[in-house]
Amino acid sequence: MSSTILVVEDEERIRQFLQRGLGYEGYRVEAAPDGPTALELARDTPPDLVLLDLMLPGMDGLEVCRRLRAVSDVPILMLTAKEAIEDRVAGLDAGA
């Protein structure tokens, strides 16, 4: 049985690229374009890993991370274009 990775990315091209690449490597991939959908998918099909964009519509990645962390110890990797140390610290503080 393959591991499930939840990809949470609002940019469709990036989301599809990650889905294809991870699928090609044998992972089962669930994908969400926004925070609320990600939380729903994580509840219905608990992932083994979450790749989470920081800037999302509807609910930002930090809030998604906090909510996932409140109910799960799933590993969470943040994907972001932000470079500031404060952004990295905020992600780690949220549970990534």
PDB file of N, CA and C in Angstrom:
ATOM      1  N   MET A   1       0.845  -1.174   0.000  1.00  0.00           N
ATOM      2  CA  MET A   1       0.000   0.000   0.000  1.00  0.00           C
ATOM      3  C   MET A   1       0.896   1.245   0.000  1.00  0.00           C
ATOM      4  N   SER A   2       0.589   2.195  -0.864  1.00  0.00           N
ATOM      5  CA  SER A   2       1.422   3.389  -0.977  1.00  0.00           C
ATOM      6  C   SER A   2       0.987   4.462   0.020  1.00  0.00           C
ATOM      7  N   SER A   3       1.938   5.316   0.356  1.00  0.00           N
ATOM      8  CA  SER A   3       1.660   6.434   1.249  1.00  0.00           C
ATOM      9  C   SER A   3       0.809   7.475   0.543  1.00  0.00           C
ATOM     10  N   THR A   4      -0.005   8.160   1.317  1.00  0.00           N
ATOM     11  CA  THR A   4      -0.855   9.218   0.777  1.00  0.00           C
ATOM     12  C   THR A   4      -0.270  10.574   1.128  1.00  0.00           C
ATOM     13  N   ILE A   5      -0.137  11.420   0.109  1.00  0.00           N
ATOM     14  CA  ILE A   5       0.347  12.779   0.296  1.00  0.00           C
ATOM     15  C   ILE A   5      -0.777  13.730  -0.080  1.00  0.00           C
ATOM     16  N   LEU A   6      -1.056  14.664   0.811  1.00  0.00           N
ATOM     17  CA  LEU A   6      -2.036  15.709   0.544  1.00  0.00           C
ATOM     18  C   LEU A   6      -1.296  16.952   0.081  1.00  0.00           C
ATOM     19  N   VAL A   7      -1.547  17.371  -1.148  1.00  0.00           N
ATOM     20  CA  VAL A   7      -0.950  18.568  -1.719  1.00  0.00           C
ATOM     21  C   VAL A   7      -1.975  19.686  -1.630  1.00  0.00           C
ATOM     22  N   VAL A   8      -1.609  20.777  -0.964  1.00  0.00           N
ATOM     23  CA  VAL A   8      -2.509  21.915  -0.802  1.00  0.00           C
ATOM     24  C   VAL A   8      -1.835  23.116  -1.478  1.00  0.00           C
ATOM     25  N   GLU A   9      -2.330  23.447  -2.654  1.00  0.00           N
ATOM     26  CA  GLU A   9      -1.719  24.496  -3.486  1.00  0.00           C
ATOM     27  C   GLU A   9      -2.800  25.133  -4.332  1.00  0.00           C
ATOM     28  N   ASP A  10      -2.901  26.471  -4.286  1.00  0.00           N
ATOM     29  CA  ASP A  10      -3.952  27.140  -5.040  1.00  0.00           C
ATOM     30  C   ASP A  10      -3.599  27.345  -6.509  1.00  0.00           C
ATOM     31  N   GLU A  11      -2.331  27.354  -6.858  1.00  0.00           N
ATOM     32  CA  GLU A  11      -1.959  27.518  -8.261  1.00  0.00           C
ATOM     33  C   GLU A  11      -2.061  26.171  -8.966  1.00  0.00           C
ATOM     34  N   GLU A  12      -2.992  26.098  -9.899  1.00  0.00           N
ATOM     35  CA  GLU A  12      -3.323  24.829 -10.544  1.00  0.00           C
ATOM     36  C   GLU A  12      -2.119  24.157 -11.199  1.00  0.00           C
ATOM     37  N   ARG A  13      -1.302  24.919 -11.894  1.00  0.00           N
ATOM     38  CA  ARG A  13      -0.152  24.324 -12.588  1.00  0.00           C
ATOM     39  C   ARG A  13       0.825  23.694 -11.606  1.00  0.00           C
ATOM     40  N   ILE A  14       1.076  24.351 -10.493  1.00  0.00           N
ATOM     41  CA  ILE A  14       1.981  23.795  -9.487  1.00  0.00           C
ATOM     42  C   ILE A  14       1.352  22.559  -8.851  1.00  0.00           C
ATOM     43  N   ARG A  15       0.068  22.644  -8.535  1.00  0.00           N
ATOM     44  CA  ARG A  15      -0.639  21.515  -7.935  1.00  0.00           C
ATOM     45  C   ARG A  15      -0.598  20.289  -8.847  1.00  0.00           C
ATOM     46  N   GLN A  16      -0.867  20.496 -10.139  1.00  0.00           N
ATOM     47  CA  GLN A  16      -0.839  19.385 -11.090  1.00  0.00           C
ATOM     48  C   GLN A  16       0.563  18.821 -11.265  1.00  0.00           C
ATOM     49  N   PHE A  17       1.562  19.697 -11.280  1.00  0.00           N
ATOM     50  CA  PHE A  17       2.951  19.259 -11.395  1.00  0.00           C
ATOM     51  C   PHE A  17       3.320  18.348 -10.216  1.00  0.00           C
ATOM     52  N   LEU A  18       2.965  18.774  -9.012  1.00  0.00           N
ATOM     53  CA  LEU A  18       3.258  17.972  -7.826  1.00  0.00           C
ATOM     54  C   LEU A  18       2.484  16.655  -7.847  1.00  0.00           C
ATOM     55  N   GLN A  19       1.222  16.707  -8.241  1.00  0.00           N
ATOM     56  CA  GLN A  19       0.419  15.488  -8.327  1.00  0.00           C
ATOM     57  C   GLN A  19       1.046  14.481  -9.293  1.00  0.00           C
ATOM     58  N   ARG A  20       1.419  14.948 -10.471  1.00  0.00           N
ATOM     59  CA  ARG A  20       2.012  14.048 -11.472  1.00  0.00           C
ATOM     60  C   ARG A  20       3.329  13.464 -10.986  1.00  0.00           C
ATOM     61  N   GLY A  21       4.194  14.327 -10.480  1.00  0.00           N
ATOM     62  CA  GLY A  21       5.503  13.852 -10.033  1.00  0.00           C
ATOM     63  C   GLY A  21       5.420  12.869  -8.884  1.00  0.00           C
ATOM     64  N   LEU A  22       4.605  13.184  -7.898  1.00  0.00           N
ATOM     65  CA  LEU A  22       4.462  12.289  -6.755  1.00  0.00           C
ATOM     66  C   LEU A  22       3.753  10.993  -7.150  1.00  0.00           C
ATOM     67  N   GLY A  23       2.752  11.115  -8.007  1.00  0.00           N
ATOM     68  CA  GLY A  23       2.065   9.923  -8.501  1.00  0.00           C
ATOM     69  C   GLY A  23       3.004   9.022  -9.279  1.00  0.00           C
ATOM     70  N   TYR A  24       3.848   9.614 -10.088  1.00  0.00           N
ATOM     71  CA  TYR A  24       4.834   8.864 -10.869  1.00  0.00           C
ATOM     72  C   TYR A  24       5.781   8.093  -9.946  1.00  0.00           C
ATOM     73  N   GLU A  25       6.069   8.671  -8.788  1.00  0.00           N
ATOM     74  CA  GLU A  25       6.955   8.022  -7.821  1.00  0.00           C
ATOM     75  C   GLU A  25       6.231   6.976  -6.979  1.00  0.00           C
ATOM     76  N   GLY A  26       4.930   6.790  -7.222  1.00  0.00           N
ATOM     77  CA  GLY A  26       4.188   5.728  -6.554  1.00  0.00           C
ATOM     78  C   GLY A  26       3.347   6.152  -5.369  1.00  0.00           C
ATOM     79  N   TYR A  27       3.304   7.432  -5.102  1.00  0.00           N
ATOM     80  CA  TYR A  27       2.479   7.911  -3.991  1.00  0.00           C
ATOM     81  C   TYR A  27       1.033   8.069  -4.429  1.00  0.00           C
ATOM     82  N   ARG A  28       0.130   7.890  -3.487  1.00  0.00           N
ATOM     83  CA  ARG A  28      -1.277   8.226  -3.707  1.00  0.00           C
ATOM     84  C   ARG A  28      -1.394   9.694  -3.345  1.00  0.00           C
ATOM     85  N   VAL A  29      -1.954  10.501  -4.242  1.00  0.00           N
ATOM     86  CA  VAL A  29      -1.984  11.944  -4.033  1.00  0.00           C
ATOM     87  C   VAL A  29      -3.422  12.451  -3.978  1.00  0.00           C
ATOM     88  N   GLU A  30      -3.720  13.179  -2.919  1.00  0.00           N
ATOM     89  CA  GLU A  30      -4.956  13.941  -2.803  1.00  0.00           C
ATOM     90  C   GLU A  30      -4.548  15.395  -2.992  1.00  0.00           C
ATOM     91  N   ALA A  31      -5.387  16.197  -3.614  1.00  0.00           N
ATOM     92  CA  ALA A  31      -5.018  17.592  -3.856  1.00  0.00           C
ATOM     93  C   ALA A  31      -6.171  18.521  -3.530  1.00  0.00           C
ATOM     94  N   ALA A  32      -5.811  19.676  -2.961  1.00  0.00           N
ATOM     95  CA  ALA A  32      -6.800  20.678  -2.588  1.00  0.00           C
ATOM     96  C   ALA A  32      -6.327  22.050  -3.041  1.00  0.00           C
ATOM     97  N   PRO A  33      -7.254  22.869  -3.568  1.00  0.00           N
ATOM     98  CA  PRO A  33      -6.891  24.211  -4.013  1.00  0.00           C
ATOM     99  C   PRO A  33      -7.015  25.279  -2.933  1.00  0.00           C
ATOM    100  N   ASP A  34      -7.536  24.901  -1.746  1.00  0.00           N
ATOM    101  CA  ASP A  34      -7.747  25.884  -0.685  1.00  0.00           C
ATOM    102  C   ASP A  34      -7.772  25.191   0.680  1.00  0.00           C
ATOM    103  N   GLY A  35      -7.736  26.009   1.720  1.00  0.00           N
ATOM    104  CA  GLY A  35      -7.688  25.485   3.073  1.00  0.00           C
ATOM    105  C   GLY A  35      -8.881  24.647   3.499  1.00  0.00           C
ATOM    106  N   PRO A  36     -10.108  25.128   3.312  1.00  0.00           N
ATOM    107  CA  PRO A  36     -11.258  24.334   3.730  1.00  0.00           C
ATOM    108  C   PRO A  36     -11.321  22.959   3.052  1.00  0.00           C
ATOM    109  N   THR A  37     -11.008  22.910   1.773  1.00  0.00           N
ATOM    110  CA  THR A  37     -11.003  21.626   1.062  1.00  0.00           C
ATOM    111  C   THR A  37      -9.921  20.717   1.615  1.00  0.00           C
ATOM    112  N   ALA A  38      -8.770  21.283   1.933  1.00  0.00           N
ATOM    113  CA  ALA A  38      -7.674  20.496   2.497  1.00  0.00           C
ATOM    114  C   ALA A  38      -8.080  19.845   3.816  1.00  0.00           C
ATOM    115  N   LEU A  39      -8.728  20.618   4.678  1.00  0.00           N
ATOM    116  CA  LEU A  39      -9.155  20.071   5.966  1.00  0.00           C
ATOM    117  C   LEU A  39     -10.179  18.964   5.784  1.00  0.00           C
ATOM    118  N   GLU A  40     -11.071  19.136   4.831  1.00  0.00           N
ATOM    119  CA  GLU A  40     -12.075  18.111   4.544  1.00  0.00           C
ATOM    120  C   GLU A  40     -11.409  16.825   4.044  1.00  0.00           C
ATOM    121  N   LEU A  41     -10.477  16.967   3.096  1.00  0.00           N
ATOM    122  CA  LEU A  41      -9.770  15.791   2.577  1.00  0.00           C
ATOM    123  C   LEU A  41      -8.962  15.101   3.668  1.00  0.00           C
ATOM    124  N   ALA A  42      -8.295  15.887   4.518  1.00  0.00           N
ATOM    125  CA  ALA A  42      -7.490  15.307   5.594  1.00  0.00           C
ATOM    126  C   ALA A  42      -8.362  14.548   6.586  1.00  0.00           C
ATOM    127  N   ARG A  43      -9.564  15.029   6.801  1.00  0.00           N
ATOM    128  CA  ARG A  43     -10.495  14.345   7.699  1.00  0.00           C
ATOM    129  C   ARG A  43     -10.989  13.040   7.080  1.00  0.00           C
ATOM    130  N   ASP A  44     -11.337  13.100   5.788  1.00  0.00           N
ATOM    131  CA  ASP A  44     -11.914  11.935   5.121  1.00  0.00           C
ATOM    132  C   ASP A  44     -10.882  10.877   4.745  1.00  0.00           C
ATOM    133  N   THR A  45      -9.693  11.305   4.369  1.00  0.00           N
ATOM    134  CA  THR A  45      -8.623  10.397   3.966  1.00  0.00           C
ATOM    135  C   THR A  45      -7.339  10.874   4.643  1.00  0.00           C
ATOM    136  N   PRO A  46      -7.090  10.478   5.881  1.00  0.00           N
ATOM    137  CA  PRO A  46      -5.915  10.980   6.601  1.00  0.00           C
ATOM    138  C   PRO A  46      -4.620  10.710   5.818  1.00  0.00           C
ATOM    139  N   PRO A  47      -3.868  11.761   5.534  1.00  0.00           N
ATOM    140  CA  PRO A  47      -2.640  11.602   4.750  1.00  0.00           C
ATOM    141  C   PRO A  47      -1.460  11.178   5.625  1.00  0.00           C
ATOM    142  N   ASP A  48      -0.415  10.696   4.954  1.00  0.00           N
ATOM    143  CA  ASP A  48       0.835  10.361   5.630  1.00  0.00           C
ATOM    144  C   ASP A  48       1.786  11.556   5.651  1.00  0.00           C
ATOM    145  N   LEU A  49       1.527  12.528   4.764  1.00  0.00           N
ATOM    146  CA  LEU A  49       2.334  13.736   4.657  1.00  0.00           C
ATOM    147  C   LEU A  49       1.482  14.817   4.016  1.00  0.00           C
ATOM    148  N   VAL A  50       1.694  16.069   4.428  1.00  0.00           N
ATOM    149  CA  VAL A  50       0.997  17.202   3.830  1.00  0.00           C
ATOM    150  C   VAL A  50       2.031  18.171   3.272  1.00  0.00           C
ATOM    151  N   LEU A  51       1.887  18.523   1.992  1.00  0.00           N
ATOM    152  CA  LEU A  51       2.662  19.592   1.370  1.00  0.00           C
ATOM    153  C   LEU A  51       1.726  20.782   1.302  1.00  0.00           C
ATOM    154  N   LEU A  52       2.011  21.829   2.043  1.00  0.00           N
ATOM    155  CA  LEU A  52       1.065  22.905   2.280  1.00  0.00           C
ATOM    156  C   LEU A  52       1.608  24.264   1.849  1.00  0.00           C
ATOM    157  N   ASP A  53       0.912  24.893   0.922  1.00  0.00           N
ATOM    158  CA  ASP A  53       1.260  26.250   0.507  1.00  0.00           C
ATOM    159  C   ASP A  53       0.875  27.206   1.630  1.00  0.00           C
ATOM    160  N   LEU A  54       1.645  28.254   1.796  1.00  0.00           N
ATOM    161  CA  LEU A  54       1.372  29.215   2.853  1.00  0.00           C
ATOM    162  C   LEU A  54       0.262  30.189   2.471  1.00  0.00           C
ATOM    163  N   MET A  55       0.266  30.645   1.238  1.00  0.00           N
ATOM    164  CA  MET A  55      -0.711  31.647   0.800  1.00  0.00           C
ATOM    165  C   MET A  55      -1.835  30.961   0.023  1.00  0.00           C
ATOM    166  N   LEU A  56      -2.973  30.800   0.687  1.00  0.00           N
ATOM    167  CA  LEU A  56      -4.131  30.103   0.113  1.00  0.00           C
ATOM    168  C   LEU A  56      -5.374  30.972   0.215  1.00  0.00           C
ATOM    169  N   PRO A  57      -6.312  30.779  -0.707  1.00  0.00           N
ATOM    170  CA  PRO A  57      -7.592  31.483  -0.582  1.00  0.00           C
ATOM    171  C   PRO A  57      -8.473  30.803   0.472  1.00  0.00           C
ATOM    172  N   GLY A  58      -9.321  31.564   1.094  1.00  0.00           N
ATOM    173  CA  GLY A  58     -10.280  31.001   2.044  1.00  0.00           C
ATOM    174  C   GLY A  58      -9.748  30.841   3.449  1.00  0.00           C
ATOM    175  N   MET A  59      -8.524  30.372   3.563  1.00  0.00           N
ATOM    176  CA  MET A  59      -7.889  30.147   4.864  1.00  0.00           C
ATOM    177  C   MET A  59      -6.408  29.967   4.583  1.00  0.00           C
ATOM    178  N   ASP A  60      -5.560  30.749   5.226  1.00  0.00           N
ATOM    179  CA  ASP A  60      -4.140  30.652   4.896  1.00  0.00           C
ATOM    180  C   ASP A  60      -3.520  29.358   5.417  1.00  0.00           C
ATOM    181  N   GLY A  61      -2.352  29.055   4.907  1.00  0.00           N
ATOM    182  CA  GLY A  61      -1.671  27.813   5.251  1.00  0.00           C
ATOM    183  C   GLY A  61      -1.335  27.691   6.727  1.00  0.00           C
ATOM    184  N   LEU A  62      -1.055  28.810   7.389  1.00  0.00           N
ATOM    185  CA  LEU A  62      -0.774  28.751   8.829  1.00  0.00           C
ATOM    186  C   LEU A  62      -1.984  28.256   9.611  1.00  0.00           C
ATOM    187  N   GLU A  63      -3.159  28.747   9.253  1.00  0.00           N
ATOM    188  CA  GLU A  63      -4.373  28.307   9.946  1.00  0.00           C
ATOM    189  C   GLU A  63      -4.678  26.845   9.633  1.00  0.00           C
ATOM    190  N   VAL A  64      -4.490  26.450   8.384  1.00  0.00           N
ATOM    191  CA  VAL A  64      -4.677  25.036   8.021  1.00  0.00           C
ATOM    192  C   VAL A  64      -3.730  24.177   8.842  1.00  0.00           C
ATOM    193  N   CYS A  65      -2.481  24.598   8.941  1.00  0.00           N
ATOM    194  CA  CYS A  65      -1.480  23.863   9.709  1.00  0.00           C
ATOM    195  C   CYS A  65      -1.899  23.744  11.174  1.00  0.00           C
ATOM    196  N   ARG A  66      -2.325  24.840  11.765  1.00  0.00           N
ATOM    197  CA  ARG A  66      -2.763  24.818  13.174  1.00  0.00           C
ATOM    198  C   ARG A  66      -3.922  23.836  13.378  1.00  0.00           C
ATOM    199  N   ARG A  67      -4.869  23.880  12.463  1.00  0.00           N
ATOM    200  CA  ARG A  67      -6.047  23.005  12.601  1.00  0.00           C
ATOM    201  C   ARG A  67      -5.681  21.537  12.395  1.00  0.00           C
ATOM    202  N   LEU A  68      -4.794  21.270  11.446  1.00  0.00           N
ATOM    203  CA  LEU A  68      -4.343  19.889  11.263  1.00  0.00           C
ATOM    204  C   LEU A  68      -3.581  19.412  12.488  1.00  0.00           C
ATOM    205  N   ARG A  69      -2.718  20.273  12.992  1.00  0.00           N
ATOM    206  CA  ARG A  69      -1.900  19.903  14.145  1.00  0.00           C
ATOM    207  C   ARG A  69      -2.752  19.639  15.386  1.00  0.00           C
ATOM    208  N   ALA A  70      -3.894  20.304  15.494  1.00  0.00           N
ATOM    209  CA  ALA A  70      -4.774  20.114  16.652  1.00  0.00           C
ATOM    210  C   ALA A  70      -5.368  18.708  16.703  1.00  0.00           C
ATOM    211  N   VAL A  71      -5.441  18.034  15.549  1.00  0.00           N
ATOM    212  CA  VAL A  71      -6.071  16.713  15.510  1.00  0.00           C
ATOM    213  C   VAL A  71      -5.155  15.606  15.003  1.00  0.00           C
ATOM    214  N   SER A  72      -3.930  15.956  14.593  1.00  0.00           N
ATOM    215  CA  SER A  72      -3.060  14.955  13.980  1.00  0.00           C
ATOM    216  C   SER A  72      -1.594  15.320  14.162  1.00  0.00           C
ATOM    217  N   ASP A  73      -0.749  14.303  14.141  1.00  0.00           N
ATOM    218  CA  ASP A  73       0.690  14.556  14.178  1.00  0.00           C
ATOM    219  C   ASP A  73       1.327  14.289  12.809  1.00  0.00           C
ATOM    220  N   VAL A  74       0.512  14.359  11.754  1.00  0.00           N
ATOM    221  CA  VAL A  74       0.998  14.148  10.391  1.00  0.00           C
ATOM    222  C   VAL A  74       2.132  15.131  10.080  1.00  0.00           C
ATOM    223  N   PRO A  75       3.205  14.668   9.430  1.00  0.00           N
ATOM    224  CA  PRO A  75       4.258  15.613   9.024  1.00  0.00           C
ATOM    225  C   PRO A  75       3.708  16.634   8.021  1.00  0.00           C
ATOM    226  N   ILE A  76       4.076  17.895   8.217  1.00  0.00           N
ATOM    227  CA  ILE A  76       3.615  18.978   7.347  1.00  0.00           C
ATOM    228  C   ILE A  76       4.829  19.755   6.851  1.00  0.00           C
ATOM    229  N   LEU A  77       4.956  19.836   5.526  1.00  0.00           N
ATOM    230  CA  LEU A  77       6.005  20.639   4.905  1.00  0.00           C
ATOM    231  C   LEU A  77       5.355  21.845   4.264  1.00  0.00           C
ATOM    232  N   MET A  78       5.828  23.028   4.607  1.00  0.00           N
ATOM    233  CA  MET A  78       5.297  24.264   4.024  1.00  0.00           C
ATOM    234  C   MET A  78       6.010  24.579   2.723  1.00  0.00           C
ATOM    235  N   LEU A  79       5.231  24.945   1.722  1.00  0.00           N
ATOM    236  CA  LEU A  79       5.756  25.412   0.438  1.00  0.00           C
ATOM    237  C   LEU A  79       5.419  26.886   0.342  1.00  0.00           C
ATOM    238  N   THR A  80       6.423  27.718   0.169  1.00  0.00           N
ATOM    239  CA  THR A  80       6.148  29.147   0.104  1.00  0.00           C
ATOM    240  C   THR A  80       7.252  29.892  -0.632  1.00  0.00           C
ATOM    241  N   ALA A  81       6.879  30.995  -1.205  1.00  0.00           N
ATOM    242  CA  ALA A  81       7.846  31.873  -1.854  1.00  0.00           C
ATOM    243  C   ALA A  81       8.377  32.904  -0.865  1.00  0.00           C
ATOM    244  N   LYS A  82       7.768  32.960   0.314  1.00  0.00           N
ATOM    245  CA  LYS A  82       8.206  33.925   1.327  1.00  0.00           C
ATOM    246  C   LYS A  82       9.572  33.509   1.869  1.00  0.00           C
ATOM    247  N   GLU A  83      10.420  34.512   2.087  1.00  0.00           N
ATOM    248  CA  GLU A  83      11.778  34.227   2.520  1.00  0.00           C
ATOM    249  C   GLU A  83      12.124  34.752   3.902  1.00  0.00           C
ATOM    250  N   ALA A  84      11.274  35.572   4.481  1.00  0.00           N
ATOM    251  CA  ALA A  84      11.593  36.205   5.761  1.00  0.00           C
ATOM    252  C   ALA A  84      11.686  35.176   6.887  1.00  0.00           C
ATOM    253  N   ILE A  85      12.608  35.406   7.782  1.00  0.00           N
ATOM    254  CA  ILE A  85      12.787  34.538   8.948  1.00  0.00           C
ATOM    255  C   ILE A  85      11.484  34.451   9.746  1.00  0.00           C
ATOM    256  N   GLU A  86      10.763  35.574   9.848  1.00  0.00           N
ATOM    257  CA  GLU A  86       9.504  35.593  10.602  1.00  0.00           C
ATOM    258  C   GLU A  86       8.493  34.609  10.016  1.00  0.00           C
ATOM    259  N   ASP A  87       8.475  34.487   8.684  1.00  0.00           N
ATOM    260  CA  ASP A  87       7.556  33.545   8.038  1.00  0.00           C
ATOM    261  C   ASP A  87       7.937  32.107   8.360  1.00  0.00           C
ATOM    262  N   ARG A  88       9.218  31.821   8.382  1.00  0.00           N
ATOM    263  CA  ARG A  88       9.679  30.474   8.733  1.00  0.00           C
ATOM    264  C   ARG A  88       9.320  30.137  10.172  1.00  0.00           C
ATOM    265  N   VAL A  89       9.556  31.098  11.060  1.00  0.00           N
ATOM    266  CA  VAL A  89       9.233  30.893  12.472  1.00  0.00           C
ATOM    267  C   VAL A  89       7.730  30.688  12.658  1.00  0.00           C
ATOM    268  N   ALA A  90       6.924  31.476  11.963  1.00  0.00           N
ATOM    269  CA  ALA A  90       5.465  31.329  12.062  1.00  0.00           C
ATOM    270  C   ALA A  90       5.029  29.952  11.614  1.00  0.00           C
ATOM    271  N   GLY A  91       5.614  29.435  10.553  1.00  0.00           N
ATOM    272  CA  GLY A  91       5.291  28.087  10.075  1.00  0.00           C
ATOM    273  C   GLY A  91       5.662  27.028  11.094  1.00  0.00           C
ATOM    274  N   LEU A  92       6.835  27.159  11.669  1.00  0.00           N
ATOM    275  CA  LEU A  92       7.265  26.194  12.703  1.00  0.00           C
ATOM    276  C   LEU A  92       6.393  26.303  13.947  1.00  0.00           C
ATOM    277  N   ASP A  93       6.063  27.517  14.330  1.00  0.00           N
ATOM    278  CA  ASP A  93       5.186  27.704  15.496  1.00  0.00           C
ATOM    279  C   ASP A  93       3.802  27.112  15.265  1.00  0.00           C
ATOM    280  N   ALA A  94       3.344  27.118  14.013  1.00  0.00           N
ATOM    281  CA  ALA A  94       2.024  26.565  13.695  1.00  0.00           C
ATOM    282  C   ALA A  94       2.034  25.036  13.677  1.00  0.00           C
ATOM    283  N   GLY A  95       3.230  24.448  13.608  1.00  0.00           N
ATOM    284  CA  GLY A  95       3.318  22.989  13.659  1.00  0.00           C
ATOM    285  C   GLY A  95       3.924  22.329  12.451  1.00  0.00           C
ATOM    286  N   ALA A  96       4.446  23.110  11.519  1.00  0.00           N
ATOM    287  CA  ALA A  96       5.084  22.503  10.332  1.00  0.00           C
ATOM    288  C   ALA A  96       6.462  21.986  10.689  1.00  0.00           C
TER     289      ALA A  96
END
